[in-house]
Amino acid sequence: MANKHCRRRYCRHDNCSKTFAAEASIASSGRVLLHRSLDEVKDGALAVKSITTDSGTQSAKAIRD
């Protein structure tokens, strides 16, 4: 899950809750977030053997990458 906007009314960016670039497209968010998730587990004890997604083309591209 990603947030493109800070939820704090008076954000100073040292306390910002934004986790995704505001200029990033929504279409690319699935690919970017999948890359982040896979990067977190790739060197761990678990092995990823399969990934189930919807029919979005961005997810398929991320898996090929």
N, C-alpha and C. Protein backbone atom coordinates (compact mmCIF):
# COMPACT_ATOMS: atom_id res chain seq x y z
N MET A 1 0.84 -1.17 0.00
CA MET A 1 0.00 0.00 0.00
C MET A 1 0.89 1.24 0.00
N ALA A 2 0.53 2.21 -0.81
CA ALA A 2 1.33 3.43 -0.91
C ALA A 2 0.44 4.65 -0.76
N ASN A 3 1.04 5.74 -0.33
CA ASN A 3 0.32 6.98 -0.12
C ASN A 3 1.04 8.09 -0.89
N LYS A 4 0.33 8.75 -1.81
CA LYS A 4 0.93 9.81 -2.61
C LYS A 4 0.81 11.19 -1.97
N HIS A 5 0.03 11.30 -0.92
CA HIS A 5 -0.20 12.59 -0.28
C HIS A 5 0.00 12.45 1.22
N CYS A 6 0.58 13.46 1.82
CA CYS A 6 0.76 13.45 3.27
C CYS A 6 -0.58 13.72 3.93
N ARG A 7 -0.91 12.95 4.95
CA ARG A 7 -2.18 13.14 5.64
C ARG A 7 -2.10 14.19 6.74
N ARG A 8 -0.92 14.67 7.01
CA ARG A 8 -0.76 15.69 8.06
C ARG A 8 -1.05 17.07 7.50
N ARG A 9 -1.79 17.84 8.25
CA ARG A 9 -2.21 19.16 7.78
C ARG A 9 -1.01 20.11 7.62
N TYR A 10 -0.11 20.10 8.56
CA TYR A 10 1.06 20.98 8.51
C TYR A 10 2.32 20.14 8.37
N CYS A 11 2.50 19.55 7.22
CA CYS A 11 3.64 18.67 6.97
C CYS A 11 4.91 19.50 6.81
N ARG A 12 5.96 19.08 7.51
CA ARG A 12 7.28 19.72 7.37
C ARG A 12 8.22 18.79 6.60
N HIS A 13 7.74 17.69 6.12
CA HIS A 13 8.46 16.66 5.38
C HIS A 13 9.49 15.91 6.21
N ASP A 14 9.74 16.32 7.43
CA ASP A 14 10.53 15.47 8.31
C ASP A 14 9.59 14.56 9.10
N ASN A 15 8.28 14.86 9.02
CA ASN A 15 7.26 14.01 9.65
C ASN A 15 6.23 13.58 8.61
N CYS A 16 6.63 13.51 7.36
CA CYS A 16 5.73 13.26 6.24
C CYS A 16 5.29 11.79 6.21
N SER A 17 4.02 11.56 5.88
CA SER A 17 3.52 10.19 5.79
C SER A 17 3.43 9.71 4.34
N LYS A 18 3.93 10.52 3.40
CA LYS A 18 3.91 10.13 1.99
C LYS A 18 4.94 9.03 1.75
N THR A 19 4.52 7.96 1.06
CA THR A 19 5.41 6.83 0.82
C THR A 19 5.61 6.54 -0.67
N PHE A 20 4.99 7.35 -1.53
CA PHE A 20 5.07 7.13 -2.97
C PHE A 20 5.14 8.50 -3.64
N ALA A 21 5.96 8.63 -4.66
CA ALA A 21 6.15 9.93 -5.31
C ALA A 21 4.85 10.47 -5.89
N ALA A 22 4.58 11.73 -5.67
CA ALA A 22 3.35 12.36 -6.17
C ALA A 22 3.30 12.38 -7.69
N GLU A 23 4.44 12.45 -8.33
CA GLU A 23 4.47 12.51 -9.80
C GLU A 23 4.40 11.13 -10.46
N ALA A 24 4.48 10.06 -9.67
CA ALA A 24 4.40 8.70 -10.21
C ALA A 24 2.98 8.39 -10.66
N SER A 25 2.86 7.64 -11.74
CA SER A 25 1.53 7.30 -12.25
C SER A 25 0.92 6.16 -11.45
N ILE A 26 -0.39 6.17 -11.36
CA ILE A 26 -1.11 5.10 -10.68
C ILE A 26 -0.88 3.77 -11.41
N ALA A 27 -0.79 3.82 -12.73
CA ALA A 27 -0.59 2.60 -13.52
C ALA A 27 0.71 1.89 -13.15
N SER A 28 1.73 2.65 -12.81
CA SER A 28 3.02 2.04 -12.49
C SER A 28 3.12 1.62 -11.03
N SER A 29 2.17 1.99 -10.21
CA SER A 29 2.28 1.72 -8.78
C SER A 29 2.33 0.22 -8.47
N GLY A 30 1.55 -0.58 -9.17
CA GLY A 30 1.57 -2.02 -8.93
C GLY A 30 2.94 -2.62 -9.16
N ARG A 31 3.59 -2.21 -10.25
CA ARG A 31 4.92 -2.72 -10.57
C ARG A 31 5.94 -2.28 -9.52
N VAL A 32 5.90 -1.00 -9.16
CA VAL A 32 6.86 -0.46 -8.19
C VAL A 32 6.70 -1.14 -6.83
N LEU A 33 5.46 -1.28 -6.39
CA LEU A 33 5.22 -1.89 -5.08
C LEU A 33 5.57 -3.37 -5.07
N LEU A 34 5.35 -4.06 -6.18
CA LEU A 34 5.74 -5.47 -6.27
C LEU A 34 7.26 -5.60 -6.21
N HIS A 35 7.97 -4.72 -6.90
CA HIS A 35 9.44 -4.73 -6.83
C HIS A 35 9.91 -4.52 -5.39
N ARG A 36 9.30 -3.57 -4.69
CA ARG A 36 9.69 -3.32 -3.30
C ARG A 36 9.46 -4.57 -2.44
N SER A 37 8.33 -5.19 -2.61
CA SER A 37 8.01 -6.38 -1.81
C SER A 37 8.97 -7.52 -2.11
N LEU A 38 9.26 -7.75 -3.38
CA LEU A 38 10.17 -8.83 -3.75
C LEU A 38 11.59 -8.54 -3.28
N ASP A 39 12.00 -7.27 -3.29
CA ASP A 39 13.33 -6.92 -2.80
C ASP A 39 13.47 -7.22 -1.31
N GLU A 40 12.37 -7.11 -0.56
CA GLU A 40 12.41 -7.37 0.87
C GLU A 40 12.59 -8.85 1.18
N VAL A 41 12.10 -9.73 0.32
CA VAL A 41 12.16 -11.17 0.61
C VAL A 41 13.21 -11.92 -0.19
N LYS A 42 13.85 -11.29 -1.15
CA LYS A 42 14.73 -12.04 -2.05
C LYS A 42 15.95 -12.64 -1.36
N ASP A 43 16.46 -12.01 -0.33
CA ASP A 43 17.64 -12.54 0.36
C ASP A 43 17.28 -13.22 1.68
N GLY A 44 16.01 -13.42 1.90
CA GLY A 44 15.57 -14.04 3.15
C GLY A 44 15.52 -15.55 3.07
N ALA A 45 14.96 -16.12 4.09
CA ALA A 45 14.88 -17.59 4.18
C ALA A 45 13.78 -18.17 3.31
N LEU A 46 12.82 -17.35 2.91
CA LEU A 46 11.71 -17.83 2.08
C LEU A 46 12.05 -17.75 0.61
N ALA A 47 11.55 -18.72 -0.15
CA ALA A 47 11.73 -18.72 -1.60
C ALA A 47 10.38 -18.44 -2.25
N VAL A 48 10.33 -17.49 -3.15
CA VAL A 48 9.10 -17.18 -3.87
C VAL A 48 8.99 -18.14 -5.04
N LYS A 49 7.96 -18.98 -5.03
CA LYS A 49 7.77 -19.96 -6.10
C LYS A 49 6.65 -19.59 -7.04
N SER A 50 5.72 -18.78 -6.57
CA SER A 50 4.63 -18.35 -7.45
C SER A 50 4.08 -17.02 -6.96
N ILE A 51 3.50 -16.28 -7.89
CA ILE A 51 2.89 -15.00 -7.59
C ILE A 51 1.54 -14.97 -8.30
N THR A 52 0.50 -14.64 -7.56
CA THR A 52 -0.83 -14.54 -8.12
C THR A 52 -1.22 -13.08 -8.23
N THR A 53 -1.61 -12.65 -9.42
CA THR A 53 -1.98 -11.25 -9.63
C THR A 53 -3.28 -11.18 -10.42
N ASP A 54 -3.76 -9.96 -10.60
CA ASP A 54 -4.89 -9.78 -11.50
C ASP A 54 -4.33 -9.70 -12.92
N SER A 55 -5.11 -9.29 -13.86
CA SER A 55 -4.67 -9.29 -15.26
C SER A 55 -3.92 -8.03 -15.65
N GLY A 56 -3.46 -7.25 -14.70
CA GLY A 56 -2.75 -6.01 -15.00
C GLY A 56 -1.42 -6.26 -15.68
N THR A 57 -1.13 -5.46 -16.68
CA THR A 57 0.12 -5.64 -17.43
C THR A 57 1.34 -5.20 -16.64
N GLN A 58 1.18 -4.28 -15.70
CA GLN A 58 2.31 -3.82 -14.92
C GLN A 58 2.86 -4.92 -14.01
N SER A 59 1.98 -5.72 -13.45
CA SER A 59 2.43 -6.81 -12.58
C SER A 59 3.20 -7.86 -13.39
N ALA A 60 2.70 -8.19 -14.56
CA ALA A 60 3.40 -9.16 -15.41
C ALA A 60 4.78 -8.64 -15.79
N LYS A 61 4.88 -7.36 -16.09
CA LYS A 61 6.17 -6.76 -16.44
C LYS A 61 7.12 -6.82 -15.25
N ALA A 62 6.62 -6.56 -14.04
CA ALA A 62 7.45 -6.62 -12.85
C ALA A 62 7.99 -8.02 -12.61
N ILE A 63 7.16 -9.02 -12.82
CA ILE A 63 7.58 -10.40 -12.63
C ILE A 63 8.66 -10.78 -13.64
N ARG A 64 8.50 -10.33 -14.89
CA ARG A 64 9.54 -10.61 -15.90
C ARG A 64 10.84 -9.92 -15.54
N ASP A 65 10.77 -8.70 -14.98
CA ASP A 65 11.98 -7.97 -14.59
C ASP A 65 12.72 -8.74 -13.51
